[in-house]
Amino acid sequence: MDNPFGMRQMVNMVAHQERIHLEARLHTNSVSVLKNFVRSGIGVTFMPELTVADEIERGEIFTLPMQYPVMNGTRAQIVSLKGQELPVASTTCIDHLHKGMRFFSADAPRLLQ
């Protein structure tokens, strides 16, 4: 994925830390395309485990542990100003994220313990 995405920024940080250059074989912002790229056997990608939970469960994709805290310890967070009422659109979005997207929940499970 492109630089504005957090995952790409984390990969770039690790590459910089290790003083290596990673040459992407595929540039896309589509999670589906990335999953198919991995399934085809022509490459690897970096993405959150929960993004590929179903594929891991079916044995289509497997994960490799990373030794870098920036890759393993990152969590998604919603940030707002304390004491300031949020607009209706923001409140609705947060409610949707909490109800429908498990990785925004405090009890979101880790796939690999």
PDB file of N, CA and C in Angstrom:
ATOM      1  N   MET A   1       0.838  -1.182   0.000  1.00  0.00           N
ATOM      2  CA  MET A   1       0.000   0.000   0.000  1.00  0.00           C
ATOM      3  C   MET A   1       0.886   1.250   0.000  1.00  0.00           C
ATOM      4  N   ASP A   2       0.288   2.352  -0.346  1.00  0.00           N
ATOM      5  CA  ASP A   2       1.043   3.595  -0.473  1.00  0.00           C
ATOM      6  C   ASP A   2       1.416   4.184   0.883  1.00  0.00           C
ATOM      7  N   ASN A   3       2.288   5.192   0.861  1.00  0.00           N
ATOM      8  CA  ASN A   3       2.817   5.809   2.079  1.00  0.00           C
ATOM      9  C   ASN A   3       1.784   6.372   3.052  1.00  0.00           C
ATOM     10  N   PRO A   4       0.639   6.893   2.618  1.00  0.00           N
ATOM     11  CA  PRO A   4      -0.304   7.420   3.615  1.00  0.00           C
ATOM     12  C   PRO A   4      -0.860   6.350   4.563  1.00  0.00           C
ATOM     13  N   PHE A   5      -0.759   5.088   4.196  1.00  0.00           N
ATOM     14  CA  PHE A   5      -1.290   4.022   5.034  1.00  0.00           C
ATOM     15  C   PHE A   5      -0.313   3.696   6.156  1.00  0.00           C
ATOM     16  N   GLY A   6      -0.848   3.481   7.351  1.00  0.00           N
ATOM     17  CA  GLY A   6      -0.026   3.200   8.520  1.00  0.00           C
ATOM     18  C   GLY A   6       0.853   1.977   8.356  1.00  0.00           C
ATOM     19  N   MET A   7       0.329   0.933   7.730  1.00  0.00           N
ATOM     20  CA  MET A   7       1.114  -0.284   7.549  1.00  0.00           C
ATOM     21  C   MET A   7       2.354  -0.002   6.708  1.00  0.00           C
ATOM     22  N   ARG A   8       2.193   0.759   5.641  1.00  0.00           N
ATOM     23  CA  ARG A   8       3.342   1.103   4.784  1.00  0.00           C
ATOM     24  C   ARG A   8       4.358   1.924   5.565  1.00  0.00           C
ATOM     25  N   GLN A   9       3.888   2.830   6.396  1.00  0.00           N
ATOM     26  CA  GLN A   9       4.790   3.646   7.201  1.00  0.00           C
ATOM     27  C   GLN A   9       5.595   2.782   8.172  1.00  0.00           C
ATOM     28  N   MET A  10       4.940   1.769   8.761  1.00  0.00           N
ATOM     29  CA  MET A  10       5.643   0.874   9.676  1.00  0.00           C
ATOM     30  C   MET A  10       6.697   0.049   8.944  1.00  0.00           C
ATOM     31  N   VAL A  11       6.347  -0.466   7.772  1.00  0.00           N
ATOM     32  CA  VAL A  11       7.308  -1.237   6.974  1.00  0.00           C
ATOM     33  C   VAL A  11       8.493  -0.350   6.598  1.00  0.00           C
ATOM     34  N   ASN A  12       8.224   0.877   6.211  1.00  0.00           N
ATOM     35  CA  ASN A  12       9.303   1.804   5.865  1.00  0.00           C
ATOM     36  C   ASN A  12      10.205   2.088   7.061  1.00  0.00           C
ATOM     37  N   MET A  13       9.622   2.218   8.259  1.00  0.00           N
ATOM     38  CA  MET A  13      10.420   2.455   9.466  1.00  0.00           C
ATOM     39  C   MET A  13      11.366   1.287   9.735  1.00  0.00           C
ATOM     40  N   VAL A  14      10.854   0.070   9.613  1.00  0.00           N
ATOM     41  CA  VAL A  14      11.686  -1.117   9.848  1.00  0.00           C
ATOM     42  C   VAL A  14      12.787  -1.205   8.787  1.00  0.00           C
ATOM     43  N   ALA A  15      12.446  -0.956   7.534  1.00  0.00           N
ATOM     44  CA  ALA A  15      13.449  -0.993   6.464  1.00  0.00           C
ATOM     45  C   ALA A  15      14.542   0.037   6.728  1.00  0.00           C
ATOM     46  N   HIS A  16      14.135   1.225   7.139  1.00  0.00           N
ATOM     47  CA  HIS A  16      15.110   2.274   7.448  1.00  0.00           C
ATOM     48  C   HIS A  16      15.990   1.859   8.626  1.00  0.00           C
ATOM     49  N   GLN A  17      15.370   1.306   9.649  1.00  0.00           N
ATOM     50  CA  GLN A  17      16.098   0.849  10.837  1.00  0.00           C
ATOM     51  C   GLN A  17      17.138  -0.216  10.467  1.00  0.00           C
ATOM     52  N   GLU A  18      16.784  -1.089   9.551  1.00  0.00           N
ATOM     53  CA  GLU A  18      17.670  -2.177   9.133  1.00  0.00           C
ATOM     54  C   GLU A  18      18.604  -1.776   7.988  1.00  0.00           C
ATOM     55  N   ARG A  19      18.436  -0.558   7.498  1.00  0.00           N
ATOM     56  CA  ARG A  19      19.240  -0.048   6.387  1.00  0.00           C
ATOM     57  C   ARG A  19      19.128  -0.934   5.145  1.00  0.00           C
ATOM     58  N   ILE A  20      17.877  -1.282   4.820  1.00  0.00           N
ATOM     59  CA  ILE A  20      17.614  -2.064   3.616  1.00  0.00           C
ATOM     60  C   ILE A  20      16.594  -1.337   2.759  1.00  0.00           C
ATOM     61  N   HIS A  21      16.565  -1.688   1.505  1.00  0.00           N
ATOM     62  CA  HIS A  21      15.584  -1.126   0.576  1.00  0.00           C
ATOM     63  C   HIS A  21      14.678  -2.259   0.107  1.00  0.00           C
ATOM     64  N   LEU A  22      13.390  -2.092   0.305  1.00  0.00           N
ATOM     65  CA  LEU A  22      12.423  -3.085  -0.158  1.00  0.00           C
ATOM     66  C   LEU A  22      11.818  -2.594  -1.462  1.00  0.00           C
ATOM     67  N   GLU A  23      11.899  -3.416  -2.482  1.00  0.00           N
ATOM     68  CA  GLU A  23      11.339  -3.067  -3.791  1.00  0.00           C
ATOM     69  C   GLU A  23       9.997  -3.769  -3.953  1.00  0.00           C
ATOM     70  N   ALA A  24       8.918  -3.009  -4.002  1.00  0.00           N
ATOM     71  CA  ALA A  24       7.578  -3.589  -4.137  1.00  0.00           C
ATOM     72  C   ALA A  24       7.368  -4.143  -5.541  1.00  0.00           C
ATOM     73  N   ARG A  25       6.801  -5.332  -5.605  1.00  0.00           N
ATOM     74  CA  ARG A  25       6.457  -5.946  -6.894  1.00  0.00           C
ATOM     75  C   ARG A  25       5.054  -5.543  -7.320  1.00  0.00           C
ATOM     76  N   LEU A  26       4.264  -5.072  -6.357  1.00  0.00           N
ATOM     77  CA  LEU A  26       2.877  -4.718  -6.624  1.00  0.00           C
ATOM     78  C   LEU A  26       2.518  -3.502  -5.791  1.00  0.00           C
ATOM     79  N   HIS A  27       1.941  -2.497  -6.430  1.00  0.00           N
ATOM     80  CA  HIS A  27       1.453  -1.308  -5.732  1.00  0.00           C
ATOM     81  C   HIS A  27      -0.062  -1.271  -5.875  1.00  0.00           C
ATOM     82  N   THR A  28      -0.771  -1.355  -4.749  1.00  0.00           N
ATOM     83  CA  THR A  28      -2.227  -1.281  -4.768  1.00  0.00           C
ATOM     84  C   THR A  28      -2.728  -0.863  -3.400  1.00  0.00           C
ATOM     85  N   ASN A  29      -3.889  -0.262  -3.366  1.00  0.00           N
ATOM     86  CA  ASN A  29      -4.540   0.085  -2.106  1.00  0.00           C
ATOM     87  C   ASN A  29      -5.688  -0.877  -1.822  1.00  0.00           C
ATOM     88  N   SER A  30      -5.763  -1.959  -2.567  1.00  0.00           N
ATOM     89  CA  SER A  30      -6.845  -2.931  -2.435  1.00  0.00           C
ATOM     90  C   SER A  30      -6.395  -4.125  -1.591  1.00  0.00           C
ATOM     91  N   VAL A  31      -7.060  -4.333  -0.462  1.00  0.00           N
ATOM     92  CA  VAL A  31      -6.754  -5.473   0.390  1.00  0.00           C
ATOM     93  C   VAL A  31      -7.042  -6.775  -0.354  1.00  0.00           C
ATOM     94  N   SER A  32      -8.107  -6.818  -1.139  1.00  0.00           N
ATOM     95  CA  SER A  32      -8.440  -8.021  -1.907  1.00  0.00           C
ATOM     96  C   SER A  32      -7.333  -8.378  -2.894  1.00  0.00           C
ATOM     97  N   VAL A  33      -6.801  -7.390  -3.573  1.00  0.00           N
ATOM     98  CA  VAL A  33      -5.722  -7.645  -4.528  1.00  0.00           C
ATOM     99  C   VAL A  33      -4.485  -8.166  -3.794  1.00  0.00           C
ATOM    100  N   LEU A  34      -4.179  -7.584  -2.632  1.00  0.00           N
ATOM    101  CA  LEU A  34      -3.027  -8.045  -1.852  1.00  0.00           C
ATOM    102  C   LEU A  34      -3.212  -9.482  -1.376  1.00  0.00           C
ATOM    103  N   LYS A  35      -4.411  -9.819  -0.933  1.00  0.00           N
ATOM    104  CA  LYS A  35      -4.689 -11.197  -0.503  1.00  0.00           C
ATOM    105  C   LYS A  35      -4.504 -12.169  -1.670  1.00  0.00           C
ATOM    106  N   ASN A  36      -5.007 -11.809  -2.832  1.00  0.00           N
ATOM    107  CA  ASN A  36      -4.859 -12.674  -4.013  1.00  0.00           C
ATOM    108  C   ASN A  36      -3.397 -12.789  -4.446  1.00  0.00           C
ATOM    109  N   PHE A  37      -2.644 -11.722  -4.291  1.00  0.00           N
ATOM    110  CA  PHE A  37      -1.219 -11.718  -4.594  1.00  0.00           C
ATOM    111  C   PHE A  37      -0.496 -12.763  -3.742  1.00  0.00           C
ATOM    112  N   VAL A  38      -0.823 -12.800  -2.462  1.00  0.00           N
ATOM    113  CA  VAL A  38      -0.209 -13.769  -1.549  1.00  0.00           C
ATOM    114  C   VAL A  38      -0.695 -15.181  -1.871  1.00  0.00           C
ATOM    115  N   ARG A  39      -2.019 -15.345  -2.070  1.00  0.00           N
ATOM    116  CA  ARG A  39      -2.579 -16.669  -2.397  1.00  0.00           C
ATOM    117  C   ARG A  39      -1.949 -17.264  -3.651  1.00  0.00           C
ATOM    118  N   SER A  40      -1.601 -16.411  -4.609  1.00  0.00           N
ATOM    119  CA  SER A  40      -1.042 -16.883  -5.881  1.00  0.00           C
ATOM    120  C   SER A  40       0.368 -17.437  -5.715  1.00  0.00           C
ATOM    121  N   GLY A  41       1.016 -17.094  -4.603  1.00  0.00           N
ATOM    122  CA  GLY A  41       2.360 -17.591  -4.348  1.00  0.00           C
ATOM    123  C   GLY A  41       3.474 -16.783  -4.973  1.00  0.00           C
ATOM    124  N   ILE A  42       3.157 -15.602  -5.509  1.00  0.00           N
ATOM    125  CA  ILE A  42       4.206 -14.809  -6.151  1.00  0.00           C
ATOM    126  C   ILE A  42       4.771 -13.713  -5.263  1.00  0.00           C
ATOM    127  N   GLY A  43       4.299 -13.638  -4.021  1.00  0.00           N
ATOM    128  CA  GLY A  43       4.831 -12.603  -3.150  1.00  0.00           C
ATOM    129  C   GLY A  43       4.286 -12.675  -1.745  1.00  0.00           C
ATOM    130  N   VAL A  44       4.726 -11.731  -0.945  1.00  0.00           N
ATOM    131  CA  VAL A  44       4.277 -11.578   0.434  1.00  0.00           C
ATOM    132  C   VAL A  44       3.765 -10.155   0.606  1.00  0.00           C
ATOM    133  N   THR A  45       3.054  -9.928   1.695  1.00  0.00           N
ATOM    134  CA  THR A  45       2.604  -8.580   1.996  1.00  0.00           C
ATOM    135  C   THR A  45       2.572  -8.397   3.494  1.00  0.00           C
ATOM    136  N   PHE A  46       2.469  -7.180   3.926  1.00  0.00           N
ATOM    137  CA  PHE A  46       2.333  -6.840   5.331  1.00  0.00           C
ATOM    138  C   PHE A  46       0.918  -6.321   5.541  1.00  0.00           C
ATOM    139  N   MET A  47       0.199  -6.923   6.474  1.00  0.00           N
ATOM    140  CA  MET A  47      -1.125  -6.416   6.835  1.00  0.00           C
ATOM    141  C   MET A  47      -1.491  -6.929   8.208  1.00  0.00           C
ATOM    142  N   PRO A  48      -2.437  -6.262   8.862  1.00  0.00           N
ATOM    143  CA  PRO A  48      -2.852  -6.715  10.194  1.00  0.00           C
ATOM    144  C   PRO A  48      -3.430  -8.130  10.137  1.00  0.00           C
ATOM    145  N   GLU A  49      -3.145  -8.914  11.164  1.00  0.00           N
ATOM    146  CA  GLU A  49      -3.640 -10.289  11.219  1.00  0.00           C
ATOM    147  C   GLU A  49      -5.153 -10.367  11.061  1.00  0.00           C
ATOM    148  N   LEU A  50      -5.851  -9.457  11.712  1.00  0.00           N
ATOM    149  CA  LEU A  50      -7.311  -9.516  11.672  1.00  0.00           C
ATOM    150  C   LEU A  50      -7.862  -9.272  10.272  1.00  0.00           C
ATOM    151  N   THR A  51      -7.074  -8.647   9.410  1.00  0.00           N
ATOM    152  CA  THR A  51      -7.496  -8.419   8.028  1.00  0.00           C
ATOM    153  C   THR A  51      -7.588  -9.724   7.251  1.00  0.00           C
ATOM    154  N   VAL A  52      -6.779 -10.702   7.644  1.00  0.00           N
ATOM    155  CA  VAL A  52      -6.741 -11.985   6.946  1.00  0.00           C
ATOM    156  C   VAL A  52      -7.152 -13.154   7.847  1.00  0.00           C
ATOM    157  N   ALA A  53      -7.920 -12.862   8.891  1.00  0.00           N
ATOM    158  CA  ALA A  53      -8.307 -13.895   9.861  1.00  0.00           C
ATOM    159  C   ALA A  53      -9.020 -15.065   9.200  1.00  0.00           C
ATOM    160  N   ASP A  54      -9.950 -14.796   8.305  1.00  0.00           N
ATOM    161  CA  ASP A  54     -10.695 -15.875   7.636  1.00  0.00           C
ATOM    162  C   ASP A  54      -9.769 -16.724   6.772  1.00  0.00           C
ATOM    163  N   GLU A  55      -8.867 -16.079   6.044  1.00  0.00           N
ATOM    164  CA  GLU A  55      -7.945 -16.790   5.166  1.00  0.00           C
ATOM    165  C   GLU A  55      -6.964 -17.644   5.979  1.00  0.00           C
ATOM    166  N   ILE A  56      -6.553 -17.153   7.135  1.00  0.00           N
ATOM    167  CA  ILE A  56      -5.663 -17.920   8.011  1.00  0.00           C
ATOM    168  C   ILE A  56      -6.395 -19.152   8.527  1.00  0.00           C
ATOM    169  N   GLU A  57      -7.636 -18.953   8.953  1.00  0.00           N
ATOM    170  CA  GLU A  57      -8.436 -20.066   9.471  1.00  0.00           C
ATOM    171  C   GLU A  57      -8.643 -21.152   8.420  1.00  0.00           C
ATOM    172  N   ARG A  58      -8.822 -20.748   7.149  1.00  0.00           N
ATOM    173  CA  ARG A  58      -9.012 -21.717   6.064  1.00  0.00           C
ATOM    174  C   ARG A  58      -7.695 -22.301   5.556  1.00  0.00           C
ATOM    175  N   GLY A  59      -6.573 -21.807   6.049  1.00  0.00           N
ATOM    176  CA  GLY A  59      -5.273 -22.311   5.624  1.00  0.00           C
ATOM    177  C   GLY A  59      -4.804 -21.774   4.285  1.00  0.00           C
ATOM    178  N   GLU A  60      -5.428 -20.720   3.790  1.00  0.00           N
ATOM    179  CA  GLU A  60      -5.060 -20.127   2.504  1.00  0.00           C
ATOM    180  C   GLU A  60      -3.835 -19.226   2.622  1.00  0.00           C
ATOM    181  N   ILE A  61      -3.693 -18.618   3.789  1.00  0.00           N
ATOM    182  CA  ILE A  61      -2.607 -17.674   4.049  1.00  0.00           C
ATOM    183  C   ILE A  61      -2.045 -18.013   5.422  1.00  0.00           C
ATOM    184  N   PHE A  62      -0.733 -17.877   5.588  1.00  0.00           N
ATOM    185  CA  PHE A  62      -0.175 -18.040   6.927  1.00  0.00           C
ATOM    186  C   PHE A  62       0.651 -16.811   7.268  1.00  0.00           C
ATOM    187  N   THR A  63       0.838 -16.602   8.552  1.00  0.00           N
ATOM    188  CA  THR A  63       1.556 -15.419   9.010  1.00  0.00           C
ATOM    189  C   THR A  63       2.936 -15.802   9.508  1.00  0.00           C
ATOM    190  N   LEU A  64       3.818 -14.850   9.441  1.00  0.00           N
ATOM    191  CA  LEU A  64       5.160 -14.997   9.990  1.00  0.00           C
ATOM    192  C   LEU A  64       5.325 -13.938  11.077  1.00  0.00           C
ATOM    193  N   PRO A  65       5.814 -14.331  12.244  1.00  0.00           N
ATOM    194  CA  PRO A  65       6.004 -13.340  13.313  1.00  0.00           C
ATOM    195  C   PRO A  65       7.113 -12.358  12.950  1.00  0.00           C
ATOM    196  N   MET A  66       6.955 -11.132  13.372  1.00  0.00           N
ATOM    197  CA  MET A  66       7.952 -10.091  13.138  1.00  0.00           C
ATOM    198  C   MET A  66       8.648  -9.800  14.461  1.00  0.00           C
ATOM    199  N   GLN A  67       9.944  -9.546  14.404  1.00  0.00           N
ATOM    200  CA  GLN A  67      10.697  -9.299  15.630  1.00  0.00           C
ATOM    201  C   GLN A  67      10.728  -7.824  16.028  1.00  0.00           C
ATOM    202  N   TYR A  68       9.992  -6.981  15.327  1.00  0.00           N
ATOM    203  CA  TYR A  68      10.034  -5.551  15.566  1.00  0.00           C
ATOM    204  C   TYR A  68       8.808  -5.087  16.341  1.00  0.00           C
ATOM    205  N   PRO A  69       9.005  -4.431  17.478  1.00  0.00           N
ATOM    206  CA  PRO A  69       7.861  -3.966  18.281  1.00  0.00           C
ATOM    207  C   PRO A  69       6.898  -3.075  17.498  1.00  0.00           C
ATOM    208  N   VAL A  70       7.426  -2.263  16.585  1.00  0.00           N
ATOM    209  CA  VAL A  70       6.543  -1.388  15.812  1.00  0.00           C
ATOM    210  C   VAL A  70       5.564  -2.209  14.964  1.00  0.00           C
ATOM    211  N   MET A  71       5.960  -3.412  14.568  1.00  0.00           N
ATOM    212  CA  MET A  71       5.087  -4.262  13.753  1.00  0.00           C
ATOM    213  C   MET A  71       4.137  -5.102  14.605  1.00  0.00           C
ATOM    214  N   ASN A  72       4.538  -5.451  15.811  1.00  0.00           N
ATOM    215  CA  ASN A  72       3.727  -6.326  16.656  1.00  0.00           C
ATOM    216  C   ASN A  72       2.874  -5.597  17.678  1.00  0.00           C
ATOM    217  N   GLY A  73       3.291  -4.421  18.101  1.00  0.00           N
ATOM    218  CA  GLY A  73       2.603  -3.767  19.205  1.00  0.00           C
ATOM    219  C   GLY A  73       1.680  -2.633  18.814  1.00  0.00           C
ATOM    220  N   THR A  74       1.476  -2.427  17.538  1.00  0.00           N
ATOM    221  CA  THR A  74       0.663  -1.306  17.083  1.00  0.00           C
ATOM    222  C   THR A  74      -0.818  -1.602  17.252  1.00  0.00           C
ATOM    223  N   ARG A  75      -1.557  -0.604  17.702  1.00  0.00           N
ATOM    224  CA  ARG A  75      -2.998  -0.742  17.867  1.00  0.00           C
ATOM    225  C   ARG A  75      -3.678   0.452  17.186  1.00  0.00           C
ATOM    226  N   ALA A  76      -4.864   0.220  16.684  1.00  0.00           N
ATOM    227  CA  ALA A  76      -5.659   1.311  16.114  1.00  0.00           C
ATOM    228  C   ALA A  76      -6.297   2.081  17.265  1.00  0.00           C
ATOM    229  N   GLN A  77      -6.321   3.387  17.155  1.00  0.00           N
ATOM    230  CA  GLN A  77      -6.908   4.225  18.201  1.00  0.00           C
ATOM    231  C   GLN A  77      -7.728   5.341  17.580  1.00  0.00           C
ATOM    232  N   ILE A  78      -8.730   5.759  18.325  1.00  0.00           N
ATOM    233  CA  ILE A  78      -9.538   6.905  17.932  1.00  0.00           C
ATOM    234  C   ILE A  78      -9.193   8.021  18.897  1.00  0.00           C
ATOM    235  N   VAL A  79      -8.831   9.196  18.380  1.00  0.00           N
ATOM    236  CA  VAL A  79      -8.376  10.302  19.212  1.00  0.00           C
ATOM    237  C   VAL A  79      -9.352  11.465  19.085  1.00  0.00           C
ATOM    238  N   SER A  80      -9.711  12.048  20.231  1.00  0.00           N
ATOM    239  CA  SER A  80     -10.569  13.229  20.232  1.00  0.00           C
ATOM    240  C   SER A  80     -10.165  14.123  21.402  1.00  0.00           C
ATOM    241  N   LEU A  81     -10.626  15.350  21.387  1.00  0.00           N
ATOM    242  CA  LEU A  81     -10.325  16.287  22.466  1.00  0.00           C
ATOM    243  C   LEU A  81     -11.193  15.969  23.676  1.00  0.00           C
ATOM    244  N   LYS A  82     -10.570  15.869  24.835  1.00  0.00           N
ATOM    245  CA  LYS A  82     -11.281  15.557  26.060  1.00  0.00           C
ATOM    246  C   LYS A  82     -12.242  16.694  26.405  1.00  0.00           C
ATOM    247  N   GLY A  83     -13.465  16.312  26.728  1.00  0.00           N
ATOM    248  CA  GLY A  83     -14.455  17.290  27.158  1.00  0.00           C
ATOM    249  C   GLY A  83     -15.181  18.009  26.035  1.00  0.00           C
ATOM    250  N   GLN A  84     -14.802  17.777  24.803  1.00  0.00           N
ATOM    251  CA  GLN A  84     -15.463  18.444  23.689  1.00  0.00           C
ATOM    252  C   GLN A  84     -16.445  17.469  23.052  1.00  0.00           C
ATOM    253  N   GLU A  85     -17.688  17.921  22.865  1.00  0.00           N
ATOM    254  CA  GLU A  85     -18.714  17.064  22.284  1.00  0.00           C
ATOM    255  C   GLU A  85     -18.393  16.804  20.809  1.00  0.00           C
ATOM    256  N   LEU A  86     -18.504  15.551  20.437  1.00  0.00           N
ATOM    257  CA  LEU A  86     -18.224  15.174  19.051  1.00  0.00           C
ATOM    258  C   LEU A  86     -19.431  15.448  18.167  1.00  0.00           C
ATOM    259  N   PRO A  87     -19.196  15.772  16.901  1.00  0.00           N
ATOM    260  CA  PRO A  87     -20.300  15.924  15.956  1.00  0.00           C
ATOM    261  C   PRO A  87     -21.040  14.596  15.787  1.00  0.00           C
ATOM    262  N   VAL A  88     -22.279  14.652  15.342  1.00  0.00           N
ATOM    263  CA  VAL A  88     -23.099  13.454  15.159  1.00  0.00           C
ATOM    264  C   VAL A  88     -22.411  12.466  14.217  1.00  0.00           C
ATOM    265  N   ALA A  89     -21.814  12.959  13.141  1.00  0.00           N
ATOM    266  CA  ALA A  89     -21.152  12.072  12.183  1.00  0.00           C
ATOM    267  C   ALA A  89     -20.008  11.304  12.852  1.00  0.00           C
ATOM    268  N   SER A  90     -19.237  11.988  13.689  1.00  0.00           N
ATOM    269  CA  SER A  90     -18.123  11.328  14.380  1.00  0.00           C
ATOM    270  C   SER A  90     -18.625  10.285  15.367  1.00  0.00           C
ATOM    271  N   THR A  91     -19.661  10.623  16.117  1.00  0.00           N
ATOM    272  CA  THR A  91     -20.229   9.688  17.089  1.00  0.00           C
ATOM    273  C   THR A  91     -20.774   8.454  16.381  1.00  0.00           C
ATOM    274  N   THR A  92     -21.468   8.660  15.281  1.00  0.00           N
ATOM    275  CA  THR A  92     -22.013   7.545  14.501  1.00  0.00           C
ATOM    276  C   THR A  92     -20.891   6.664  13.972  1.00  0.00           C
ATOM    277  N   CYS A  93     -19.832   7.273  13.480  1.00  0.00           N
ATOM    278  CA  CYS A  93     -18.688   6.520  12.960  1.00  0.00           C
ATOM    279  C   CYS A  93     -18.046   5.695  14.072  1.00  0.00           C
ATOM    280  N   ILE A  94     -17.834   6.280  15.228  1.00  0.00           N
ATOM    281  CA  ILE A  94     -17.224   5.570  16.351  1.00  0.00           C
ATOM    282  C   ILE A  94     -18.104   4.413  16.794  1.00  0.00           C
ATOM    283  N   ASP A  95     -19.413   4.632  16.876  1.00  0.00           N
ATOM    284  CA  ASP A  95     -20.338   3.551  17.238  1.00  0.00           C
ATOM    285  C   ASP A  95     -20.237   2.396  16.243  1.00  0.00           C
ATOM    286  N   HIS A  96     -20.188   2.736  14.968  1.00  0.00           N
ATOM    287  CA  HIS A  96     -20.070   1.714  13.920  1.00  0.00           C
ATOM    288  C   HIS A  96     -18.765   0.925  14.073  1.00  0.00           C
ATOM    289  N   LEU A  97     -17.667   1.627  14.317  1.00  0.00           N
ATOM    290  CA  LEU A  97     -16.377   0.964  14.464  1.00  0.00           C
ATOM    291  C   LEU A  97     -16.368   0.026  15.663  1.00  0.00           C
ATOM    292  N   HIS A  98     -16.913   0.491  16.780  1.00  0.00           N
ATOM    293  CA  HIS A  98     -16.941  -0.347  17.984  1.00  0.00           C
ATOM    294  C   HIS A  98     -17.808  -1.585  17.792  1.00  0.00           C
ATOM    295  N   LYS A  99     -18.907  -1.446  17.099  1.00  0.00           N
ATOM    296  CA  LYS A  99     -19.834  -2.575  16.921  1.00  0.00           C
ATOM    297  C   LYS A  99     -19.402  -3.519  15.807  1.00  0.00           C
ATOM    298  N   GLY A 100     -18.881  -2.981  14.734  1.00  0.00           N
ATOM    299  CA  GLY A 100     -18.652  -3.795  13.552  1.00  0.00           C
ATOM    300  C   GLY A 100     -17.217  -4.165  13.245  1.00  0.00           C
ATOM    301  N   MET A 101     -16.263  -3.549  13.900  1.00  0.00           N
ATOM    302  CA  MET A 101     -14.862  -3.810  13.571  1.00  0.00           C
ATOM    303  C   MET A 101     -14.131  -4.223  14.841  1.00  0.00           C
ATOM    304  N   ARG A 102     -13.881  -5.504  14.965  1.00  0.00           N
ATOM    305  CA  ARG A 102     -13.334  -6.053  16.204  1.00  0.00           C
ATOM    306  C   ARG A 102     -11.985  -5.473  16.597  1.00  0.00           C
ATOM    307  N   PHE A 103     -11.166  -5.056  15.615  1.00  0.00           N
ATOM    308  CA  PHE A 103      -9.843  -4.577  15.992  1.00  0.00           C
ATOM    309  C   PHE A 103      -9.882  -3.231  16.692  1.00  0.00           C
ATOM    310  N   PHE A 104     -11.059  -2.577  16.764  1.00  0.00           N
ATOM    311  CA  PHE A 104     -11.202  -1.359  17.544  1.00  0.00           C
ATOM    312  C   PHE A 104     -11.709  -1.661  18.949  1.00  0.00           C
ATOM    313  N   SER A 105     -11.979  -2.907  19.244  1.00  0.00           N
ATOM    314  CA  SER A 105     -12.474  -3.296  20.559  1.00  0.00           C
ATOM    315  C   SER A 105     -11.308  -3.628  21.474  1.00  0.00           C
ATOM    316  N   ALA A 106     -11.454  -3.294  22.737  1.00  0.00           N
ATOM    317  CA  ALA A 106     -10.398  -3.568  23.707  1.00  0.00           C
ATOM    318  C   ALA A 106     -10.164  -5.061  23.858  1.00  0.00           C
ATOM    319  N   ASP A 107     -11.208  -5.868  23.602  1.00  0.00           N
ATOM    320  CA  ASP A 107     -11.064  -7.309  23.777  1.00  0.00           C
ATOM    321  C   ASP A 107     -10.749  -8.029  22.468  1.00  0.00           C
ATOM    322  N   ALA A 108     -10.299  -7.302  21.448  1.00  0.00           N
ATOM    323  CA  ALA A 108      -9.962  -7.928  20.165  1.00  0.00           C
ATOM    324  C   ALA A 108      -8.873  -8.969  20.392  1.00  0.00           C
ATOM    325  N   PRO A 109      -9.112 -10.198  19.939  1.00  0.00           N
ATOM    326  CA  PRO A 109      -8.122 -11.260  20.209  1.00  0.00           C
ATOM    327  C   PRO A 109      -6.912 -11.156  19.296  1.00  0.00           C
ATOM    328  N   ARG A 110      -5.798 -11.627  19.779  1.00  0.00           N
ATOM    329  CA  ARG A 110      -4.614 -11.805  18.946  1.00  0.00           C
ATOM    330  C   ARG A 110      -4.776 -13.174  18.297  1.00  0.00           C
ATOM    331  N   LEU A 111      -4.459 -13.271  17.029  1.00  0.00           N
ATOM    332  CA  LEU A 111      -4.579 -14.549  16.348  1.00  0.00           C
ATOM    333  C   LEU A 111      -3.468 -15.507  16.736  1.00  0.00           C
ATOM    334  N   LEU A 112      -2.263 -14.978  16.898  1.00  0.00           N
ATOM    335  CA  LEU A 112      -1.125 -15.812  17.283  1.00  0.00           C
ATOM    336  C   LEU A 112      -0.707 -15.407  18.684  1.00  0.00           C
ATOM    337  N   GLN A 113      -0.796 -16.316  19.598  1.00  0.00           N
ATOM    338  CA  GLN A 113      -0.440 -16.011  20.994  1.00  0.00           C
ATOM    339  C   GLN A 113       1.003 -16.333  21.256  1.00  0.00           C
TER     340      GLN A 113
END
